[in-house]
C-alpha atoms as a PDB file:
ATOM      1  CA  UNK A   1     -22.723  -2.075   1.360  1.00  0.00           C
ATOM      2  CA  UNK A   2     -22.359  -3.195  -2.238  1.00  0.00           C
ATOM      3  CA  UNK A   3     -20.516  -0.266  -3.289  1.00  0.00           C
ATOM      4  CA  UNK A   4     -18.213  -0.764  -0.225  1.00  0.00           C
ATOM      5  CA  UNK A   5     -17.562  -4.570  -1.177  1.00  0.00           C
ATOM      6  CA  UNK A   6     -17.094  -3.637  -4.700  1.00  0.00           C
ATOM      7  CA  UNK A   7     -14.906  -1.093  -3.986  1.00  0.00           C
ATOM      8  CA  UNK A   8     -12.589  -3.505  -1.995  1.00  0.00           C
ATOM      9  CA  UNK A   9     -12.815  -6.233  -4.533  1.00  0.00           C
ATOM     10  CA  UNK A  10     -11.414  -3.538  -7.193  1.00  0.00           C
ATOM     11  CA  UNK A  11      -8.480  -2.731  -4.749  1.00  0.00           C
ATOM     12  CA  UNK A  12      -7.653  -6.344  -4.666  1.00  0.00           C
ATOM     13  CA  UNK A  13      -7.830  -6.432  -8.444  1.00  0.00           C
ATOM     14  CA  UNK A  14      -5.660  -3.125  -8.546  1.00  0.00           C
ATOM     15  CA  UNK A  15      -8.203  -1.108 -10.354  1.00  0.00           C
ATOM     16  CA  UNK A  16      -7.307   2.075  -8.645  1.00  0.00           C
ATOM     17  CA  UNK A  17      -9.526   4.493 -10.151  1.00  0.00           C
ATOM     18  CA  UNK A  18     -12.892   2.484 -10.109  1.00  0.00           C
ATOM     19  CA  UNK A  19     -12.030   1.216  -6.568  1.00  0.00           C
ATOM     20  CA  UNK A  20     -11.786   5.044  -5.305  1.00  0.00           C
ATOM     21  CA  UNK A  21     -15.025   5.886  -7.212  1.00  0.00           C
ATOM     22  CA  UNK A  22     -17.023   3.176  -5.551  1.00  0.00           C
ATOM     23  CA  UNK A  23     -15.344   3.778  -1.906  1.00  0.00           C
ATOM     24  CA  UNK A  24     -15.939   7.501  -2.234  1.00  0.00           C
ATOM     25  CA  UNK A  25     -19.605   6.740  -3.112  1.00  0.00           C
ATOM     26  CA  UNK A  26     -20.019   4.166  -0.463  1.00  0.00           C
ATOM     27  CA  UNK A  27     -18.632   6.542   2.206  1.00  0.00           C
ATOM     28  CA  UNK A  28     -20.802   9.497   1.255  1.00  0.00           C
ATOM     29  CA  UNK A  29     -24.116   7.223   1.517  1.00  0.00           C
ATOM     30  CA  UNK A  30     -22.745   5.746   4.952  1.00  0.00           C
ATOM     31  CA  UNK A  31     -22.169   9.061   6.330  1.00  0.00           C
ATOM     32  CA  UNK A  32     -25.594  10.147   4.957  1.00  0.00           C
ATOM     33  CA  UNK A  33     -27.392   7.414   6.619  1.00  0.00           C
ATOM     34  CA  UNK A  34     -25.665   6.615   9.874  1.00  0.00           C
ATOM     35  CA  UNK A  35     -23.493   9.711  10.518  1.00  0.00           C
ATOM     36  CA  UNK A  36     -19.598  10.663  10.135  1.00  0.00           C
ATOM     37  CA  UNK A  37     -18.652   8.468  13.051  1.00  0.00           C
ATOM     38  CA  UNK A  38     -20.171   5.070  12.266  1.00  0.00           C
ATOM     39  CA  UNK A  39     -17.859   2.187  12.375  1.00  0.00           C
ATOM     40  CA  UNK A  40     -19.011   1.349   8.823  1.00  0.00           C
ATOM     41  CA  UNK A  41     -17.437   4.731   7.670  1.00  0.00           C
ATOM     42  CA  UNK A  42     -14.116   3.996   9.474  1.00  0.00           C
ATOM     43  CA  UNK A  43     -14.170   0.300   7.483  1.00  0.00           C
ATOM     44  CA  UNK A  44     -14.516   2.355   3.959  1.00  0.00           C
ATOM     45  CA  UNK A  45     -11.987   4.837   5.143  1.00  0.00           C
ATOM     46  CA  UNK A  46      -9.336   2.210   5.844  1.00  0.00           C
ATOM     47  CA  UNK A  47      -9.895   0.709   2.599  1.00  0.00           C
ATOM     48  CA  UNK A  48      -9.289   4.309   0.884  1.00  0.00           C
ATOM     49  CA  UNK A  49      -6.280   4.406   3.175  1.00  0.00           C
ATOM     50  CA  UNK A  50      -4.786   1.083   1.787  1.00  0.00           C
ATOM     51  CA  UNK A  51      -5.711   2.188  -1.657  1.00  0.00           C
ATOM     52  CA  UNK A  52      -3.778   5.667  -1.383  1.00  0.00           C
ATOM     53  CA  UNK A  53      -0.869   4.036   0.233  1.00  0.00           C
ATOM     54  CA  UNK A  54      -0.553   1.520  -2.561  1.00  0.00           C
ATOM     55  CA  UNK A  55      -0.702   3.954  -5.237  1.00  0.00           C
ATOM     56  CA  UNK A  56       2.125   6.403  -3.320  1.00  0.00           C
ATOM     57  CA  UNK A  57      -0.274   9.031  -1.784  1.00  0.00           C
ATOM     58  CA  UNK A  58       1.117   8.564   1.735  1.00  0.00           C
ATOM     59  CA  UNK A  59      -0.507  11.930   3.260  1.00  0.00           C
ATOM     60  CA  UNK A  60      -3.951  11.188   2.029  1.00  0.00           C
ATOM     61  CA  UNK A  61      -3.356   7.619   3.244  1.00  0.00           C
ATOM     62  CA  UNK A  62      -2.249   8.571   6.773  1.00  0.00           C
ATOM     63  CA  UNK A  63      -5.338  11.014   6.650  1.00  0.00           C
ATOM     64  CA  UNK A  64      -7.646   8.171   6.086  1.00  0.00           C
ATOM     65  CA  UNK A  65      -6.023   5.877   8.373  1.00  0.00           C
ATOM     66  CA  UNK A  66      -6.246   8.680  11.272  1.00  0.00           C
ATOM     67  CA  UNK A  67      -9.947   9.213  10.726  1.00  0.00           C
ATOM     68  CA  UNK A  68     -10.556   5.554  10.742  1.00  0.00           C
ATOM     69  CA  UNK A  69      -8.663   4.977  13.863  1.00  0.00           C
ATOM     70  CA  UNK A  70     -10.328   7.802  15.755  1.00  0.00           C
ATOM     71  CA  UNK A  71     -13.883   6.474  15.029  1.00  0.00           C
ATOM     72  CA  UNK A  72     -13.085   2.907  15.670  1.00  0.00           C
ATOM     73  CA  UNK A  73     -11.600   3.921  19.454  1.00  0.00           C
ATOM     74  CA  UNK A  74     -14.541   5.855  19.913  1.00  0.00           C
ATOM     75  CA  UNK A  75     -17.310   3.598  18.867  1.00  0.00           C
ATOM     76  CA  UNK A  76     -15.310   0.044  19.570  1.00  0.00           C
ATOM     77  CA  UNK A  77     -13.311   0.876  22.450  1.00  0.00           C
ATOM     78  CA  UNK A  78      -9.356   1.054  22.940  1.00  0.00           C
ATOM     79  CA  UNK A  79      -9.136  -2.722  22.946  1.00  0.00           C
ATOM     80  CA  UNK A  80     -11.201  -3.805  19.923  1.00  0.00           C
ATOM     81  CA  UNK A  81      -9.186  -6.258  17.274  1.00  0.00           C
ATOM     82  CA  UNK A  82     -10.336  -3.851  14.521  1.00  0.00           C
ATOM     83  CA  UNK A  83      -8.591  -0.918  16.221  1.00  0.00           C
ATOM     84  CA  UNK A  84      -5.616  -2.935  16.622  1.00  0.00           C
ATOM     85  CA  UNK A  85      -5.993  -3.625  12.725  1.00  0.00           C
ATOM     86  CA  UNK A  86      -6.074  -0.268  11.822  1.00  0.00           C
ATOM     87  CA  UNK A  87      -3.062   0.811  14.171  1.00  0.00           C
ATOM     88  CA  UNK A  88      -1.005  -1.883  12.209  1.00  0.00           C
ATOM     89  CA  UNK A  89      -2.102  -0.437   8.930  1.00  0.00           C
ATOM     90  CA  UNK A  90      -1.030   2.834  10.051  1.00  0.00           C
ATOM     91  CA  UNK A  91       2.359   1.489  11.521  1.00  0.00           C
ATOM     92  CA  UNK A  92       3.060  -0.027   8.197  1.00  0.00           C
ATOM     93  CA  UNK A  93       2.613   3.363   6.272  1.00  0.00           C
ATOM     94  CA  UNK A  94       4.570   5.502   8.929  1.00  0.00           C
ATOM     95  CA  UNK A  95       7.344   2.940   8.074  1.00  0.00           C
ATOM     96  CA  UNK A  96       6.968   3.679   4.735  1.00  0.00           C
ATOM     97  CA  UNK A  97       7.560   7.429   5.279  1.00  0.00           C
ATOM     98  CA  UNK A  98      10.476   6.711   7.840  1.00  0.00           C
ATOM     99  CA  UNK A  99       8.362   7.765  10.968  1.00  0.00           C
ATOM    100  CA  UNK A 100       9.961   5.152  13.047  1.00  0.00           C
ATOM    101  CA  UNK A 101       9.249   6.625  16.366  1.00  0.00           C
ATOM    102  CA  UNK A 102       5.575   6.958  15.588  1.00  0.00           C
ATOM    103  CA  UNK A 103       5.262   3.616  13.778  1.00  0.00           C
ATOM    104  CA  UNK A 104       6.740   1.760  17.108  1.00  0.00           C
ATOM    105  CA  UNK A 105       4.173   3.554  19.117  1.00  0.00           C
ATOM    106  CA  UNK A 106       1.305   2.202  16.760  1.00  0.00           C
ATOM    107  CA  UNK A 107       3.074  -1.292  16.460  1.00  0.00           C
ATOM    108  CA  UNK A 108       3.504  -1.752  19.936  1.00  0.00           C
ATOM    109  CA  UNK A 109      -0.283  -0.838  20.879  1.00  0.00           C
ATOM    110  CA  UNK A 110      -1.324  -3.060  18.043  1.00  0.00           C
ATOM    111  CA  UNK A 111       0.668  -5.729  19.620  1.00  0.00           C
ATOM    112  CA  UNK A 112      -0.674  -5.128  23.234  1.00  0.00           C
ATOM    113  CA  UNK A 113      -4.358  -5.504  21.743  1.00  0.00           C
ATOM    114  CA  UNK A 114      -3.718  -8.395  19.457  1.00  0.00           C
ATOM    115  CA  UNK A 115      -1.968 -10.312  22.663  1.00  0.00           C
ATOM    116  CA  UNK A 116      -4.939  -9.382  24.772  1.00  0.00           C
ATOM    117  CA  UNK A 117      -7.829 -10.445  22.385  1.00  0.00           C
ATOM    118  CA  UNK A 118      -5.901 -13.165  20.403  1.00  0.00           C
ATOM    119  CA  UNK A 119      -3.741 -14.659  22.717  1.00  0.00           C
ATOM    120  CA  UNK A 120       0.205 -14.929  22.740  1.00  0.00           C
ATOM    121  CA  UNK A 121       0.573 -17.492  20.288  1.00  0.00           C
ATOM    122  CA  UNK A 122      -1.038 -16.136  16.942  1.00  0.00           C
ATOM    123  CA  UNK A 123       0.127 -15.386  13.623  1.00  0.00           C
ATOM    124  CA  UNK A 124      -0.911 -11.685  13.715  1.00  0.00           C
ATOM    125  CA  UNK A 125       1.250 -11.409  17.060  1.00  0.00           C
ATOM    126  CA  UNK A 126       4.098 -12.912  15.226  1.00  0.00           C
ATOM    127  CA  UNK A 127       3.524 -10.506  12.344  1.00  0.00           C
ATOM    128  CA  UNK A 128       3.518  -7.618  14.745  1.00  0.00           C
ATOM    129  CA  UNK A 129       6.454  -8.819  16.720  1.00  0.00           C
ATOM    130  CA  UNK A 130       8.446  -8.969  13.575  1.00  0.00           C
ATOM    131  CA  UNK A 131       7.432  -5.706  12.175  1.00  0.00           C
ATOM    132  CA  UNK A 132       8.684  -4.101  15.350  1.00  0.00           C
ATOM    133  CA  UNK A 133      11.727  -5.943  15.341  1.00  0.00           C
ATOM    134  CA  UNK A 134      12.447  -4.523  11.725  1.00  0.00           C
ATOM    135  CA  UNK A 135      11.930  -0.962  12.984  1.00  0.00           C
ATOM    136  CA  UNK A 136      14.019  -1.530  16.065  1.00  0.00           C
ATOM    137  CA  UNK A 137      16.809  -2.818  13.483  1.00  0.00           C
ATOM    138  CA  UNK A 138      16.497   0.497  11.465  1.00  0.00           C
ATOM    139  CA  UNK A 139      17.082   2.785  14.322  1.00  0.00           C
ATOM    140  CA  UNK A 140      19.973   0.288  15.401  1.00  0.00           C
ATOM    141  CA  UNK A 141      18.240  -0.407  18.809  1.00  0.00           C
ATOM    142  CA  UNK A 142      19.799  -4.006  17.976  1.00  0.00           C
ATOM    143  CA  UNK A 143      18.972  -5.677  21.541  1.00  0.00           C
ATOM    144  CA  UNK A 144      15.384  -4.695  21.342  1.00  0.00           C
ATOM    145  CA  UNK A 145      15.116  -6.094  17.875  1.00  0.00           C
ATOM    146  CA  UNK A 146      16.770  -9.386  18.771  1.00  0.00           C
ATOM    147  CA  UNK A 147      14.005  -9.930  21.607  1.00  0.00           C
ATOM    148  CA  UNK A 148      11.224  -8.992  19.202  1.00  0.00           C
ATOM    149  CA  UNK A 149      12.617 -11.286  16.486  1.00  0.00           C
ATOM    150  CA  UNK A 150      13.248 -14.361  18.643  1.00  0.00           C
ATOM    151  CA  UNK A 151       9.641 -13.810  20.246  1.00  0.00           C
ATOM    152  CA  UNK A 152       8.230 -13.956  16.581  1.00  0.00           C
ATOM    153  CA  UNK A 153      10.288 -17.242  15.731  1.00  0.00           C
ATOM    154  CA  UNK A 154       9.389 -19.141  18.523  1.00  0.00           C
ATOM    155  CA  UNK A 155       5.509 -18.196  17.955  1.00  0.00           C
ATOM    156  CA  UNK A 156       5.891 -19.258  14.326  1.00  0.00           C
ATOM    157  CA  UNK A 157       8.003 -22.501  15.144  1.00  0.00           C
ATOM    158  CA  UNK A 158       5.199 -23.393  17.724  1.00  0.00           C
ATOM    159  CA  UNK A 159       2.355 -22.783  15.436  1.00  0.00           C
ATOM    160  CA  UNK A 160       4.267 -24.727  12.394  1.00  0.00           C
ATOM    161  CA  UNK A 161       5.013 -27.902  14.681  1.00  0.00           C
ATOM    162  CA  UNK A 162       1.130 -28.264  15.630  1.00  0.00           C
ATOM    163  CA  UNK A 163       0.222 -28.380  12.066  1.00  0.00           C
ATOM    164  CA  UNK A 164       3.137 -30.350  10.981  1.00  0.00           C
ATOM    165  CA  UNK A 165       4.704 -32.809  13.314  1.00  0.00           C
ATOM    166  CA  UNK A 166       7.591 -33.522  11.006  1.00  0.00           C
ATOM    167  CA  UNK A 167       8.875 -30.096  10.850  1.00  0.00           C
ATOM    168  CA  UNK A 168      12.169 -30.861  12.360  1.00  0.00           C
ATOM    169  CA  UNK A 169      12.460 -34.273  11.231  1.00  0.00           C
ATOM    170  CA  UNK A 170      15.120 -35.232   8.481  1.00  0.00           C
ATOM    171  CA  UNK A 171      12.884 -36.741   5.388  1.00  0.00           C
ATOM    172  CA  UNK A 172      13.108 -40.392   4.557  1.00  0.00           C
ATOM    173  CA  UNK A 173      11.294 -40.723   1.375  1.00  0.00           C
ATOM    174  CA  UNK A 174      14.591 -40.346  -0.629  1.00  0.00           C
ATOM    175  CA  UNK A 175      14.174 -43.093  -3.169  1.00  0.00           C
ATOM    176  CA  UNK A 176      11.296 -40.239  -4.483  1.00  0.00           C
ATOM    177  CA  UNK A 177      13.616 -37.414  -4.784  1.00  0.00           C
ATOM    178  CA  UNK A 178      12.048 -36.393  -8.024  1.00  0.00           C
ATOM    179  CA  UNK A 179       8.981 -35.678  -6.121  1.00  0.00           C
ATOM    180  CA  UNK A 180      10.081 -33.880  -2.750  1.00  0.00           C
ATOM    181  CA  UNK A 181       7.692 -33.606  -0.064  1.00  0.00           C
ATOM    182  CA  UNK A 182       6.192 -30.019   0.059  1.00  0.00           C
ATOM    183  CA  UNK A 183       3.824 -28.691   2.603  1.00  0.00           C
ATOM    184  CA  UNK A 184       0.406 -27.179   1.804  1.00  0.00           C
ATOM    185  CA  UNK A 185      -0.098 -23.700   0.688  1.00  0.00           C
ATOM    186  CA  UNK A 186      -1.105 -22.436   4.111  1.00  0.00           C
ATOM    187  CA  UNK A 187       1.825 -24.215   5.908  1.00  0.00           C
ATOM    188  CA  UNK A 188       4.393 -23.176   3.002  1.00  0.00           C
ATOM    189  CA  UNK A 189       3.369 -19.301   3.615  1.00  0.00           C
ATOM    190  CA  UNK A 190       4.117 -20.032   7.445  1.00  0.00           C
ATOM    191  CA  UNK A 191       7.579 -21.234   6.471  1.00  0.00           C
ATOM    192  CA  UNK A 192       8.327 -18.232   4.263  1.00  0.00           C
ATOM    193  CA  UNK A 193       7.463 -15.807   7.086  1.00  0.00           C
ATOM    194  CA  UNK A 194       9.540 -17.998   9.380  1.00  0.00           C
ATOM    195  CA  UNK A 195      12.120 -17.822   6.890  1.00  0.00           C
ATOM    196  CA  UNK A 196      11.997 -14.028   6.743  1.00  0.00           C
ATOM    197  CA  UNK A 197      12.265 -13.890  10.346  1.00  0.00           C
ATOM    198  CA  UNK A 198      15.467 -16.047  10.469  1.00  0.00           C
ATOM    199  CA  UNK A 199      16.855 -13.821   7.635  1.00  0.00           C
ATOM    200  CA  UNK A 200      16.519 -10.696   9.801  1.00  0.00           C
ATOM    201  CA  UNK A 201      17.562 -12.118  13.139  1.00  0.00           C
ATOM    202  CA  UNK A 202      20.984 -13.681  11.977  1.00  0.00           C
ATOM    203  CA  UNK A 203      22.874 -10.645  11.303  1.00  0.00           C
ATOM    204  CA  UNK A 204      21.460  -9.156  14.498  1.00  0.00           C
ATOM    205  CA  UNK A 205      22.584 -12.061  16.218  1.00  0.00           C
ATOM    206  CA  UNK A 206      25.902 -12.041  14.837  1.00  0.00           C
ATOM    207  CA  UNK A 207      26.536  -8.400  15.388  1.00  0.00           C
ATOM    208  CA  UNK A 208      25.710  -8.301  19.176  1.00  0.00           C
ATOM    209  CA  UNK A 209      27.169 -12.011  19.943  1.00  0.00           C
ATOM    210  CA  UNK A 210      29.740 -12.676  17.315  1.00  0.00           C
ATOM    211  CA  UNK A 211      29.823 -15.095  14.519  1.00  0.00           C
ATOM    212  CA  UNK A 212      30.833 -17.963  16.286  1.00  0.00           C
ATOM    213  CA  UNK A 213      28.474 -17.858  18.879  1.00  0.00           C
ATOM    214  CA  UNK A 214      26.257 -20.991  19.923  1.00  0.00           C
ATOM    215  CA  UNK A 215      23.125 -18.994  19.109  1.00  0.00           C
ATOM    216  CA  UNK A 216      24.373 -18.490  15.618  1.00  0.00           C
ATOM    217  CA  UNK A 217      25.162 -22.087  15.143  1.00  0.00           C
ATOM    218  CA  UNK A 218      21.595 -22.614  16.418  1.00  0.00           C
ATOM    219  CA  UNK A 219      20.085 -20.232  14.249  1.00  0.00           C
ATOM    220  CA  UNK A 220      21.703 -21.424  10.835  1.00  0.00           C
ATOM    221  CA  UNK A 221      20.751 -25.114  11.671  1.00  0.00           C
ATOM    222  CA  UNK A 222      17.278 -23.973  11.876  1.00  0.00           C
ATOM    223  CA  UNK A 223      17.401 -21.821   8.994  1.00  0.00           C
ATOM    224  CA  UNK A 224      18.591 -24.964   6.972  1.00  0.00           C
ATOM    225  CA  UNK A 225      15.678 -27.103   8.338  1.00  0.00           C
ATOM    226  CA  UNK A 226      13.202 -24.314   6.916  1.00  0.00           C
ATOM    227  CA  UNK A 227      15.136 -23.840   3.688  1.00  0.00           C
ATOM    228  CA  UNK A 228      14.771 -27.873   3.294  1.00  0.00           C
ATOM    229  CA  UNK A 229      10.989 -27.338   3.770  1.00  0.00           C
ATOM    230  CA  UNK A 230      10.999 -24.441   0.907  1.00  0.00           C
ATOM    231  CA  UNK A 231      12.500 -26.833  -1.286  1.00  0.00           C
ATOM    232  CA  UNK A 232      15.572 -24.211  -1.652  1.00  0.00           C
ATOM    233  CA  UNK A 233      18.591 -26.698  -1.324  1.00  0.00           C
ATOM    234  CA  UNK A 234      21.312 -23.946  -2.294  1.00  0.00           C
ATOM    235  CA  UNK A 235      20.458 -22.127   0.660  1.00  0.00           C
ATOM    236  CA  UNK A 236      19.987 -25.262   2.847  1.00  0.00           C
ATOM    237  CA  UNK A 237      23.131 -26.337   1.982  1.00  0.00           C
ATOM    238  CA  UNK A 238      24.761 -22.766   2.938  1.00  0.00           C
ATOM    239  CA  UNK A 239      23.103 -22.675   6.218  1.00  0.00           C
ATOM    240  CA  UNK A 240      24.240 -26.443   7.158  1.00  0.00           C
ATOM    241  CA  UNK A 241      27.850 -25.179   5.974  1.00  0.00           C
ATOM    242  CA  UNK A 242      27.783 -22.014   8.135  1.00  0.00           C
ATOM    243  CA  UNK A 243      26.298 -23.958  11.189  1.00  0.00           C
ATOM    244  CA  UNK A 244      29.277 -26.546  10.635  1.00  0.00           C
ATOM    245  CA  UNK A 245      31.924 -23.805  10.606  1.00  0.00           C
ATOM    246  CA  UNK A 246      30.297 -22.352  13.982  1.00  0.00           C
ATOM    247  CA  UNK A 247      30.450 -25.789  15.296  1.00  0.00           C
ATOM    248  CA  UNK A 248      34.105 -26.506  14.368  1.00  0.00           C
ATOM    249  CA  UNK A 249      35.397 -23.358  15.445  1.00  0.00           C
ATOM    250  CA  UNK A 250      34.599 -24.761  19.008  1.00  0.00           C
ATOM    251  CA  UNK A 251      35.588 -28.216  18.717  1.00  0.00           C
ATOM    252  CA  UNK A 252      39.027 -29.481  18.909  1.00  0.00           C
ATOM    253  CA  UNK A 253      40.496 -30.618  15.463  1.00  0.00           C
ATOM    254  CA  UNK A 254      39.750 -34.201  14.680  1.00  0.00           C
ATOM    255  CA  UNK A 255      37.147 -34.413  17.429  1.00  0.00           C
ATOM    256  CA  UNK A 256      33.824 -33.911  15.765  1.00  0.00           C
ATOM    257  CA  UNK A 257      30.906 -35.160  17.649  1.00  0.00           C
ATOM    258  CA  UNK A 258      27.274 -36.285  16.711  1.00  0.00           C
ATOM    259  CA  UNK A 259      25.753 -32.997  16.058  1.00  0.00           C
ATOM    260  CA  UNK A 260      28.515 -32.439  13.390  1.00  0.00           C
ATOM    261  CA  UNK A 261      27.369 -35.809  11.930  1.00  0.00           C
ATOM    262  CA  UNK A 262      23.789 -34.846  11.970  1.00  0.00           C
ATOM    263  CA  UNK A 263      24.682 -31.637  10.238  1.00  0.00           C
ATOM    264  CA  UNK A 264      26.242 -33.344   7.807  1.00  0.00           C
ATOM    265  CA  UNK A 265      23.469 -35.821   7.119  1.00  0.00           C
ATOM    266  CA  UNK A 266      20.866 -33.000   6.483  1.00  0.00           C
ATOM    267  CA  UNK A 267      23.445 -31.295   4.349  1.00  0.00           C
ATOM    268  CA  UNK A 268      23.709 -34.766   2.247  1.00  0.00           C
ATOM    269  CA  UNK A 269      19.689 -34.790   1.945  1.00  0.00           C
ATOM    270  CA  UNK A 270      19.954 -31.535   0.422  1.00  0.00           C
ATOM    271  CA  UNK A 271      22.594 -32.881  -1.886  1.00  0.00           C
ATOM    272  CA  UNK A 272      20.539 -35.596  -3.109  1.00  0.00           C
ATOM    273  CA  UNK A 273      17.565 -33.402  -3.827  1.00  0.00           C
ATOM    274  CA  UNK A 274      19.831 -31.446  -5.832  1.00  0.00           C
ATOM    275  CA  UNK A 275      20.704 -34.565  -7.496  1.00  0.00           C
ATOM    276  CA  UNK A 276      24.468 -34.149  -6.521  1.00  0.00           C
ATOM    277  CA  UNK A 277      24.797 -37.893  -6.005  1.00  0.00           C
ATOM    278  CA  UNK A 278      28.725 -37.679  -5.435  1.00  0.00           C
ATOM    279  CA  UNK A 279      28.557 -34.921  -2.986  1.00  0.00           C
ATOM    280  CA  UNK A 280      25.696 -36.725  -1.055  1.00  0.00           C
ATOM    281  CA  UNK A 281      27.842 -39.904  -0.997  1.00  0.00           C
ATOM    282  CA  UNK A 282      30.911 -38.051   0.577  1.00  0.00           C
ATOM    283  CA  UNK A 283      28.912 -36.213   2.842  1.00  0.00           C
ATOM    284  CA  UNK A 284      27.007 -39.073   4.353  1.00  0.00           C
ATOM    285  CA  UNK A 285      30.252 -41.228   4.459  1.00  0.00           C
ATOM    286  CA  UNK A 286      31.673 -38.436   6.587  1.00  0.00           C
ATOM    287  CA  UNK A 287      28.529 -38.568   8.927  1.00  0.00           C
ATOM    288  CA  UNK A 288      28.754 -42.271   9.120  1.00  0.00           C
ATOM    289  CA  UNK A 289      32.522 -42.091  10.129  1.00  0.00           C
ATOM    290  CA  UNK A 290      31.788 -39.594  12.828  1.00  0.00           C
ATOM    291  CA  UNK A 291      28.983 -41.476  14.245  1.00  0.00           C
ATOM    292  CA  UNK A 292      30.892 -45.234  14.476  1.00  0.00           C
ATOM    293  CA  UNK A 293      33.451 -43.248  16.247  1.00  0.00           C
ATOM    294  CA  UNK A 294      30.953 -41.641  18.813  1.00  0.00           C
ATOM    295  CA  UNK A 295      28.434 -44.363  18.934  1.00  0.00           C
ATOM    296  CA  UNK A 296      27.999 -48.119  18.783  1.00  0.00           C
ATOM    297  CA  UNK A 297      28.035 -49.625  15.388  1.00  0.00           C
ATOM    298  CA  UNK A 298      24.547 -50.745  15.439  1.00  0.00           C
ATOM    299  CA  UNK A 299      22.811 -47.474  16.950  1.00  0.00           C
ATOM    300  CA  UNK A 300      20.057 -45.584  15.284  1.00  0.00           C
ATOM    301  CA  UNK A 301      22.004 -42.269  14.166  1.00  0.00           C
ATOM    302  CA  UNK A 302      24.729 -45.100  12.358  1.00  0.00           C
ATOM    303  CA  UNK A 303      21.851 -46.867  10.994  1.00  0.00           C
ATOM    304  CA  UNK A 304      20.160 -43.914   9.628  1.00  0.00           C
ATOM    305  CA  UNK A 305      23.199 -42.145   7.708  1.00  0.00           C
ATOM    306  CA  UNK A 306      23.973 -45.557   6.580  1.00  0.00           C
ATOM    307  CA  UNK A 307      20.450 -45.828   5.152  1.00  0.00           C
ATOM    308  CA  UNK A 308      21.028 -42.555   3.529  1.00  0.00           C
ATOM    309  CA  UNK A 309      24.561 -43.578   2.321  1.00  0.00           C
ATOM    310  CA  UNK A 310      22.961 -46.596   0.450  1.00  0.00           C
ATOM    311  CA  UNK A 311      20.330 -44.335  -1.239  1.00  0.00           C
ATOM    312  CA  UNK A 312      23.340 -42.365  -2.626  1.00  0.00           C
ATOM    313  CA  UNK A 313      25.090 -45.215  -3.787  1.00  0.00           C
ATOM    314  CA  UNK A 314      21.536 -46.414  -5.416  1.00  0.00           C
ATOM    315  CA  UNK A 315      21.355 -43.171  -7.438  1.00  0.00           C
ATOM    316  CA  UNK A 316      25.002 -43.613  -8.474  1.00  0.00           C
ATOM    317  CA  UNK A 317      24.291 -47.300  -9.534  1.00  0.00           C
ATOM    318  CA  UNK A 318      27.197 -48.163  -7.240  1.00  0.00           C
ATOM    319  CA  UNK A 319      26.255 -51.659  -5.834  1.00  0.00           C
ATOM    320  CA  UNK A 320      29.007 -51.609  -3.276  1.00  0.00           C
END
């Protein structure tokens, strides 16, 4: 046990030779005391497979994963979560060596088990769906890829909103732009994974539905919100501009609606955080004009944009 744990720690520290020496000795002792088909041997083999994969020996890594998988299926049963984890690791390796048909089989079986054991709303389920979407994209099964990406995104957004009720709300702490709000490390990691999903699903959606489809508008809008959470103001602005282009392509000229104003407001906030106060001011002014035309002057949307416009004036030192 001590040698196994030491080997795993050395793997994480990228001390490959020392790690392999510890794991090989741990495996020898475990096989001697428990037999070759004990689950503890499978655990050590899986670490050895991870080590071999990391250092480019795909063939040896695959052998270790196959041995580990066979043992776990016999000892733990076909529906055990450890079986799913080994299947997932095997699928990642098969992707590395471009055996995509086999990796899809492994991913899908891992997905079945993870949904069965963990439920449908789980990060590991979302990870598996994302990987299947990637493989489906590589083999040009774009409709299948879109389905898997979409399911992964829905799970991630739902889990994020549970932890961060403000996930889709526009920040109002704008007088403190030198210290923008940032999610904690765990939540930040979830936003980063969600962003990866959006970046993969967007080109597939454009390919299948066309660049001006409402789903493209929706994705760009949500991407912009995620970039805001990540503090990536440039990509947030780019996403909101893309969403504006799609929205306006379906709107008669000069008839911008409240959705356009909301996009402009989000874009303006990103300009504020970039300290582009002139652009923020112009963007908020456009939002206010649209909202005043579409709503009553005292309505909440107008008041919200007017407040943000006032913040832009404040930073421009413009008393008007």
